[in-house]
PDB file of N, CA and C in Angstrom:
ATOM      1  N   MET A   1      66.851 -34.305  45.844  1.00  0.00           N
ATOM      2  CA  MET A   1      66.585 -33.190  45.549  1.00  0.00           C
ATOM      3  C   MET A   1      65.430 -32.142  46.806  1.00  0.00           C
ATOM      4  N   GLN A   2      64.723 -33.281  47.282  1.00  0.00           N
ATOM      5  CA  GLN A   2      63.777 -32.566  48.445  1.00  0.00           C
ATOM      6  C   GLN A   2      64.521 -32.318  49.445  1.00  0.00           C
ATOM      7  N   THR A   3      65.481 -33.226  49.888  1.00  0.00           N
ATOM      8  CA  THR A   3      66.029 -33.172  51.388  1.00  0.00           C
ATOM      9  C   THR A   3      67.091 -32.122  51.227  1.00  0.00           C
ATOM     10  N   ALA A   4      68.049 -31.706  49.812  1.00  0.00           N
ATOM     11  CA  ALA A   4      68.791 -30.614  49.800  1.00  0.00           C
ATOM     12  C   ALA A   4      68.153 -29.519  49.940  1.00  0.00           C
ATOM     13  N   SER A   5      66.965 -29.459  49.465  1.00  0.00           N
ATOM     14  CA  SER A   5      66.076 -28.189  49.373  1.00  0.00           C
ATOM     15  C   SER A   5      65.815 -27.644  50.660  1.00  0.00           C
ATOM     16  N   PHE A   6      65.665 -28.851  51.510  1.00  0.00           N
ATOM     17  CA  PHE A   6      64.742 -28.161  53.086  1.00  0.00           C
ATOM     18  C   PHE A   6      66.003 -28.552  54.193  1.00  0.00           C
ATOM     19  N   ARG A   7      67.308 -28.718  53.904  1.00  0.00           N
ATOM     20  CA  ARG A   7      68.235 -28.913  54.724  1.00  0.00           C
ATOM     21  C   ARG A   7      68.744 -27.512  55.348  1.00  0.00           C
ATOM     22  N   PRO A   8      68.726 -26.524  54.531  1.00  0.00           N
ATOM     23  CA  PRO A   8      69.195 -25.560  55.544  1.00  0.00           C
ATOM     24  C   PRO A   8      67.801 -25.106  56.626  1.00  0.00           C
ATOM     25  N   LEU A   9      67.023 -25.273  56.381  1.00  0.00           N
ATOM     26  CA  LEU A   9      65.595 -24.805  57.397  1.00  0.00           C
ATOM     27  C   LEU A   9      65.653 -26.048  58.485  1.00  0.00           C
ATOM     28  N   LEU A  10      65.895 -27.298  57.913  1.00  0.00           N
ATOM     29  CA  LEU A  10      66.070 -28.222  59.111  1.00  0.00           C
ATOM     30  C   LEU A  10      67.278 -28.101  59.830  1.00  0.00           C
ATOM     31  N   GLU A  11      68.333 -27.563  59.592  1.00  0.00           N
ATOM     32  CA  GLU A  11      69.402 -27.294  60.326  1.00  0.00           C
ATOM     33  C   GLU A  11      68.967 -26.355  61.312  1.00  0.00           C
ATOM     34  N   LYS A  12      68.181 -25.144  60.811  1.00  0.00           N
ATOM     35  CA  LYS A  12      68.099 -24.230  61.689  1.00  0.00           C
ATOM     36  C   LYS A  12      66.909 -24.341  62.718  1.00  0.00           C
ATOM     37  N   TYR A  13      65.973 -25.164  62.299  1.00  0.00           N
ATOM     38  CA  TYR A  13      64.684 -25.205  63.205  1.00  0.00           C
ATOM     39  C   TYR A  13      64.613 -26.634  64.054  1.00  0.00           C
ATOM     40  N   LYS A  14      65.730 -27.592  63.559  1.00  0.00           N
ATOM     41  CA  LYS A  14      65.681 -29.006  64.088  1.00  0.00           C
ATOM     42  C   LYS A  14      64.432 -29.554  64.339  1.00  0.00           C
ATOM     43  N   ASP A  15      63.568 -29.423  63.320  1.00  0.00           N
ATOM     44  CA  ASP A  15      62.296 -29.862  63.200  1.00  0.00           C
ATOM     45  C   ASP A  15      62.270 -31.305  62.580  1.00  0.00           C
ATOM     46  N   TYR A  16      63.153 -32.168  62.977  1.00  0.00           N
ATOM     47  CA  TYR A  16      63.169 -33.563  62.483  1.00  0.00           C
ATOM     48  C   TYR A  16      61.800 -34.446  62.212  1.00  0.00           C
ATOM     49  N   ALA A  17      60.782 -34.408  63.152  1.00  0.00           N
ATOM     50  CA  ALA A  17      59.609 -34.846  63.177  1.00  0.00           C
ATOM     51  C   ALA A  17      58.848 -34.414  61.954  1.00  0.00           C
ATOM     52  N   THR A  18      58.986 -33.319  61.394  1.00  0.00           N
ATOM     53  CA  THR A  18      58.137 -32.864  60.536  1.00  0.00           C
ATOM     54  C   THR A  18      58.358 -32.097  59.088  1.00  0.00           C
ATOM     55  N   SER A  19      59.834 -32.013  59.276  1.00  0.00           N
ATOM     56  CA  SER A  19      60.328 -31.291  58.125  1.00  0.00           C
ATOM     57  C   SER A  19      60.466 -32.576  56.781  1.00  0.00           C
ATOM     58  N   PRO A  20      60.095 -31.966  55.761  1.00  0.00           N
ATOM     59  CA  PRO A  20      60.563 -32.863  54.333  1.00  0.00           C
ATOM     60  C   PRO A  20      62.145 -32.894  54.253  1.00  0.00           C
ATOM     61  N   GLY A  21      62.923 -32.300  55.182  1.00  0.00           N
ATOM     62  CA  GLY A  21      64.405 -32.534  54.688  1.00  0.00           C
ATOM     63  C   GLY A  21      64.838 -33.592  55.800  1.00  0.00           C
ATOM     64  N   ALA A  22      64.032 -33.985  56.560  1.00  0.00           N
ATOM     65  CA  ALA A  22      64.367 -35.408  57.481  1.00  0.00           C
ATOM     66  C   ALA A  22      63.630 -36.440  56.921  1.00  0.00           C
ATOM     67  N   GLU A  23      62.812 -36.247  55.830  1.00  0.00           N
ATOM     68  CA  GLU A  23      61.822 -37.353  55.519  1.00  0.00           C
ATOM     69  C   GLU A  23      62.961 -38.437  54.827  1.00  0.00           C
ATOM     70  N   THR A  24      62.633 -39.816  55.121  1.00  0.00           N
ATOM     71  CA  THR A  24      63.292 -41.113  54.572  1.00  0.00           C
ATOM     72  C   THR A  24      62.833 -40.898  53.158  1.00  0.00           C
ATOM     73  N   LYS A  25      63.609 -41.996  52.779  1.00  0.00           N
ATOM     74  CA  LYS A  25      63.571 -42.282  51.064  1.00  0.00           C
ATOM     75  C   LYS A  25      62.337 -43.081  51.039  1.00  0.00           C
ATOM     76  N   ASP A  26      62.212 -44.086  51.857  1.00  0.00           N
ATOM     77  CA  ASP A  26      61.002 -44.912  51.957  1.00  0.00           C
ATOM     78  C   ASP A  26      59.609 -43.985  51.922  1.00  0.00           C
ATOM     79  N   ARG A  27      59.480 -43.136  52.648  1.00  0.00           N
ATOM     80  CA  ARG A  27      58.381 -42.260  52.848  1.00  0.00           C
ATOM     81  C   ARG A  27      58.378 -41.414  51.587  1.00  0.00           C
ATOM     82  N   THR A  28      59.324 -40.913  51.007  1.00  0.00           N
ATOM     83  CA  THR A  28      59.348 -40.020  49.953  1.00  0.00           C
ATOM     84  C   THR A  28      58.662 -40.766  48.678  1.00  0.00           C
ATOM     85  N   LEU A  29      59.324 -42.315  48.485  1.00  0.00           N
ATOM     86  CA  LEU A  29      58.825 -43.131  47.522  1.00  0.00           C
ATOM     87  C   LEU A  29      57.199 -43.633  47.480  1.00  0.00           C
ATOM     88  N   GLN A  30      56.836 -43.371  48.995  1.00  0.00           N
ATOM     89  CA  GLN A  30      55.477 -43.784  49.345  1.00  0.00           C
ATOM     90  C   GLN A  30      54.575 -42.344  48.684  1.00  0.00           C
ATOM     91  N   ARG A  31      54.936 -41.273  49.034  1.00  0.00           N
ATOM     92  CA  ARG A  31      54.355 -40.160  48.313  1.00  0.00           C
ATOM     93  C   ARG A  31      54.240 -40.386  47.049  1.00  0.00           C
ATOM     94  N   LEU A  32      55.377 -40.755  46.408  1.00  0.00           N
ATOM     95  CA  LEU A  32      55.186 -40.709  44.822  1.00  0.00           C
ATOM     96  C   LEU A  32      54.192 -41.452  44.194  1.00  0.00           C
ATOM     97  N   LYS A  33      53.730 -42.620  45.180  1.00  0.00           N
ATOM     98  CA  LYS A  33      52.934 -43.578  44.925  1.00  0.00           C
ATOM     99  C   LYS A  33      51.500 -43.175  45.023  1.00  0.00           C
ATOM    100  N   ASP A  34      51.294 -42.341  45.911  1.00  0.00           N
ATOM    101  CA  ASP A  34      50.003 -41.957  46.198  1.00  0.00           C
ATOM    102  C   ASP A  34      49.404 -41.666  44.952  1.00  0.00           C
ATOM    103  N   PRO A  35      47.868 -42.286  44.941  1.00  0.00           N
ATOM    104  CA  PRO A  35      47.101 -42.101  43.750  1.00  0.00           C
ATOM    105  C   PRO A  35      46.694 -40.629  43.486  1.00  0.00           C
ATOM    106  N   PHE A  36      46.348 -39.957  44.731  1.00  0.00           N
ATOM    107  CA  PHE A  36      45.968 -38.634  44.535  1.00  0.00           C
ATOM    108  C   PHE A  36      46.990 -37.602  44.709  1.00  0.00           C
ATOM    109  N   SER A  37      48.170 -37.790  44.281  1.00  0.00           N
ATOM    110  CA  SER A  37      49.464 -36.848  44.361  1.00  0.00           C
ATOM    111  C   SER A  37      49.484 -36.515  42.855  1.00  0.00           C
ATOM    112  N   ASP A  38      50.106 -35.553  42.402  1.00  0.00           N
ATOM    113  CA  ASP A  38      50.946 -35.233  41.021  1.00  0.00           C
ATOM    114  C   ASP A  38      52.174 -34.578  41.425  1.00  0.00           C
ATOM    115  N   TYR A  39      53.268 -34.750  40.992  1.00  0.00           N
ATOM    116  CA  TYR A  39      54.514 -34.204  40.791  1.00  0.00           C
ATOM    117  C   TYR A  39      54.662 -33.344  39.548  1.00  0.00           C
ATOM    118  N   TYR A  40      55.517 -32.601  39.663  1.00  0.00           N
ATOM    119  CA  TYR A  40      55.654 -31.571  38.410  1.00  0.00           C
ATOM    120  C   TYR A  40      57.042 -31.194  38.773  1.00  0.00           C
ATOM    121  N   PHE A  41      58.220 -31.202  37.982  1.00  0.00           N
ATOM    122  CA  PHE A  41      59.730 -30.695  38.173  1.00  0.00           C
ATOM    123  C   PHE A  41      59.586 -29.168  37.544  1.00  0.00           C
ATOM    124  N   ILE A  42      60.351 -28.760  38.180  1.00  0.00           N
ATOM    125  CA  ILE A  42      60.581 -26.954  37.901  1.00  0.00           C
ATOM    126  C   ILE A  42      61.828 -27.238  37.245  1.00  0.00           C
ATOM    127  N   CYS A  43      61.925 -26.699  36.008  1.00  0.00           N
ATOM    128  CA  CYS A  43      63.115 -27.078  35.065  1.00  0.00           C
ATOM    129  C   CYS A  43      63.819 -25.632  34.582  1.00  0.00           C
ATOM    130  N   LEU A  44      65.004 -25.726  34.727  1.00  0.00           N
ATOM    131  CA  LEU A  44      65.715 -24.471  34.132  1.00  0.00           C
ATOM    132  C   LEU A  44      67.048 -25.420  33.073  1.00  0.00           C
ATOM    133  N   ASP A  45      66.947 -24.674  31.722  1.00  0.00           N
ATOM    134  CA  ASP A  45      67.797 -24.921  31.047  1.00  0.00           C
ATOM    135  C   ASP A  45      67.576 -26.748  30.691  1.00  0.00           C
ATOM    136  N   GLY A  46      66.553 -27.429  31.059  1.00  0.00           N
ATOM    137  CA  GLY A  46      66.610 -28.717  31.000  1.00  0.00           C
ATOM    138  C   GLY A  46      66.727 -29.432  31.966  1.00  0.00           C
ATOM    139  N   LYS A  47      67.589 -28.495  33.183  1.00  0.00           N
ATOM    140  CA  LYS A  47      67.770 -29.182  34.401  1.00  0.00           C
ATOM    141  C   LYS A  47      66.805 -29.044  35.367  1.00  0.00           C
ATOM    142  N   HIS A  48      66.510 -30.302  36.236  1.00  0.00           N
ATOM    143  CA  HIS A  48      65.400 -30.097  37.338  1.00  0.00           C
ATOM    144  C   HIS A  48      66.093 -29.655  38.591  1.00  0.00           C
ATOM    145  N   ILE A  49      65.384 -28.262  38.838  1.00  0.00           N
ATOM    146  CA  ILE A  49      65.956 -27.387  40.133  1.00  0.00           C
ATOM    147  C   ILE A  49      65.135 -27.465  41.051  1.00  0.00           C
ATOM    148  N   GLY A  50      64.075 -28.009  41.156  1.00  0.00           N
ATOM    149  CA  GLY A  50      62.863 -28.017  42.078  1.00  0.00           C
ATOM    150  C   GLY A  50      61.660 -28.965  41.653  1.00  0.00           C
ATOM    151  N   ALA A  51      60.731 -29.027  42.469  1.00  0.00           N
ATOM    152  CA  ALA A  51      59.577 -29.599  42.300  1.00  0.00           C
ATOM    153  C   ALA A  51      58.229 -29.245  43.201  1.00  0.00           C
ATOM    154  N   ILE A  52      57.118 -29.898  42.734  1.00  0.00           N
ATOM    155  CA  ILE A  52      55.883 -29.227  43.190  1.00  0.00           C
ATOM    156  C   ILE A  52      54.985 -30.352  43.405  1.00  0.00           C
ATOM    157  N   ARG A  53      54.354 -30.658  44.483  1.00  0.00           N
ATOM    158  CA  ARG A  53      53.307 -31.796  44.748  1.00  0.00           C
ATOM    159  C   ARG A  53      51.962 -31.375  44.986  1.00  0.00           C
ATOM    160  N   ILE A  54      51.223 -31.556  43.898  1.00  0.00           N
ATOM    161  CA  ILE A  54      49.759 -31.043  44.254  1.00  0.00           C
ATOM    162  C   ILE A  54      48.919 -32.630  44.597  1.00  0.00           C
ATOM    163  N   CYS A  55      47.758 -32.316  45.635  1.00  0.00           N
ATOM    164  CA  CYS A  55      47.058 -33.440  46.023  1.00  0.00           C
ATOM    165  C   CYS A  55      45.969 -33.410  45.412  1.00  0.00           C
ATOM    166  N   HIS A  56      45.254 -34.281  44.920  1.00  0.00           N
ATOM    167  CA  HIS A  56      43.627 -34.000  44.663  1.00  0.00           C
ATOM    168  C   HIS A  56      42.751 -34.834  45.345  1.00  0.00           C
ATOM    169  N   PHE A  57      41.700 -33.947  45.636  1.00  0.00           N
ATOM    170  CA  PHE A  57      40.703 -34.588  46.565  1.00  0.00           C
ATOM    171  C   PHE A  57      39.270 -34.094  45.909  1.00  0.00           C
ATOM    172  N   GLU A  58      38.437 -34.716  46.442  1.00  0.00           N
ATOM    173  CA  GLU A  58      36.997 -34.647  46.148  1.00  0.00           C
ATOM    174  C   GLU A  58      36.736 -33.559  45.188  1.00  0.00           C
ATOM    175  N   THR A  59      36.801 -32.346  46.070  1.00  0.00           N
ATOM    176  CA  THR A  59      36.429 -31.198  45.608  1.00  0.00           C
ATOM    177  C   THR A  59      37.452 -29.839  45.512  1.00  0.00           C
ATOM    178  N   LEU A  60      38.492 -30.272  45.680  1.00  0.00           N
ATOM    179  CA  LEU A  60      39.697 -29.388  45.706  1.00  0.00           C
ATOM    180  C   LEU A  60      41.265 -29.971  45.618  1.00  0.00           C
ATOM    181  N   CYS A  61      41.723 -28.940  45.277  1.00  0.00           N
ATOM    182  CA  CYS A  61      43.252 -29.438  45.126  1.00  0.00           C
ATOM    183  C   CYS A  61      44.214 -28.519  46.059  1.00  0.00           C
ATOM    184  N   LYS A  62      45.045 -29.210  46.697  1.00  0.00           N
ATOM    185  CA  LYS A  62      45.931 -28.650  47.367  1.00  0.00           C
ATOM    186  C   LYS A  62      47.409 -28.540  47.229  1.00  0.00           C
ATOM    187  N   LEU A  63      48.274 -27.460  47.104  1.00  0.00           N
ATOM    188  CA  LEU A  63      49.521 -27.552  47.051  1.00  0.00           C
ATOM    189  C   LEU A  63      50.169 -27.952  48.202  1.00  0.00           C
ATOM    190  N   LYS A  64      50.940 -29.062  48.533  1.00  0.00           N
ATOM    191  CA  LYS A  64      51.361 -29.425  49.467  1.00  0.00           C
ATOM    192  C   LYS A  64      52.987 -29.687  49.686  1.00  0.00           C
ATOM    193  N   GLN A  65      53.720 -29.625  48.869  1.00  0.00           N
ATOM    194  CA  GLN A  65      55.056 -29.362  48.788  1.00  0.00           C
ATOM    195  C   GLN A  65      55.543 -28.294  47.459  1.00  0.00           C
ATOM    196  N   LEU A  66      56.612 -27.674  47.779  1.00  0.00           N
ATOM    197  CA  LEU A  66      57.105 -26.715  46.567  1.00  0.00           C
ATOM    198  C   LEU A  66      58.377 -26.594  47.078  1.00  0.00           C
ATOM    199  N   PHE A  67      59.428 -26.849  46.245  1.00  0.00           N
ATOM    200  CA  PHE A  67      61.129 -26.846  46.784  1.00  0.00           C
ATOM    201  C   PHE A  67      61.666 -26.603  45.437  1.00  0.00           C
ATOM    202  N   ILE A  68      62.953 -25.853  45.585  1.00  0.00           N
ATOM    203  CA  ILE A  68      63.873 -25.606  44.717  1.00  0.00           C
ATOM    204  C   ILE A  68      65.097 -25.502  45.456  1.00  0.00           C
ATOM    205  N   LEU A  69      66.004 -26.081  44.544  1.00  0.00           N
ATOM    206  CA  LEU A  69      67.356 -26.418  45.176  1.00  0.00           C
ATOM    207  C   LEU A  69      68.064 -25.076  45.643  1.00  0.00           C
ATOM    208  N   PRO A  70      68.897 -25.383  46.827  1.00  0.00           N
ATOM    209  CA  PRO A  70      69.363 -23.810  47.695  1.00  0.00           C
ATOM    210  C   PRO A  70      70.141 -23.260  46.319  1.00  0.00           C
ATOM    211  N   GLU A  71      70.748 -23.631  45.500  1.00  0.00           N
ATOM    212  CA  GLU A  71      71.471 -22.670  44.401  1.00  0.00           C
ATOM    213  C   GLU A  71      70.869 -21.914  43.541  1.00  0.00           C
ATOM    214  N   PHE A  72      69.512 -22.328  43.699  1.00  0.00           N
ATOM    215  CA  PHE A  72      68.578 -21.549  42.574  1.00  0.00           C
ATOM    216  C   PHE A  72      67.676 -20.784  43.241  1.00  0.00           C
ATOM    217  N   GLN A  73      67.366 -20.557  44.805  1.00  0.00           N
ATOM    218  CA  GLN A  73      66.637 -19.941  45.952  1.00  0.00           C
ATOM    219  C   GLN A  73      66.568 -18.816  45.494  1.00  0.00           C
ATOM    220  N   GLY A  74      65.564 -17.818  45.670  1.00  0.00           N
ATOM    221  CA  GLY A  74      65.845 -16.620  45.593  1.00  0.00           C
ATOM    222  C   GLY A  74      65.757 -15.852  44.307  1.00  0.00           C
ATOM    223  N   ASP A  75      66.045 -16.566  43.130  1.00  0.00           N
ATOM    224  CA  ASP A  75      66.267 -16.077  41.672  1.00  0.00           C
ATOM    225  C   ASP A  75      64.786 -16.107  41.390  1.00  0.00           C
ATOM    226  N   GLY A  76      63.722 -16.501  42.172  1.00  0.00           N
ATOM    227  CA  GLY A  76      61.976 -16.089  41.510  1.00  0.00           C
ATOM    228  C   GLY A  76      61.955 -17.280  40.743  1.00  0.00           C
ATOM    229  N   TYR A  77      62.117 -18.365  40.639  1.00  0.00           N
ATOM    230  CA  TYR A  77      61.666 -19.611  39.956  1.00  0.00           C
ATOM    231  C   TYR A  77      60.591 -20.305  40.749  1.00  0.00           C
ATOM    232  N   ALA A  78      60.442 -20.341  41.931  1.00  0.00           N
ATOM    233  CA  ALA A  78      58.992 -20.740  42.718  1.00  0.00           C
ATOM    234  C   ALA A  78      57.892 -20.039  42.467  1.00  0.00           C
TER     235      ALA A  78
END
């Protein structure tokens, strides 16, 4: 879902070193296992259409990633 969501931006900007659209499956799995990260799915009618990643640090939380599948982008779900 992440690579599909970021693919249009990856193709436009060719930022293969930093784009979540170019991230390997192993790197994505590593992020999922980070003890300081939480993931939440964005759902519509029981279907996962996106996700959000939040990282918890000692005194703050950071929104690290937010993505919506291309077919649902622009509809206000994020």
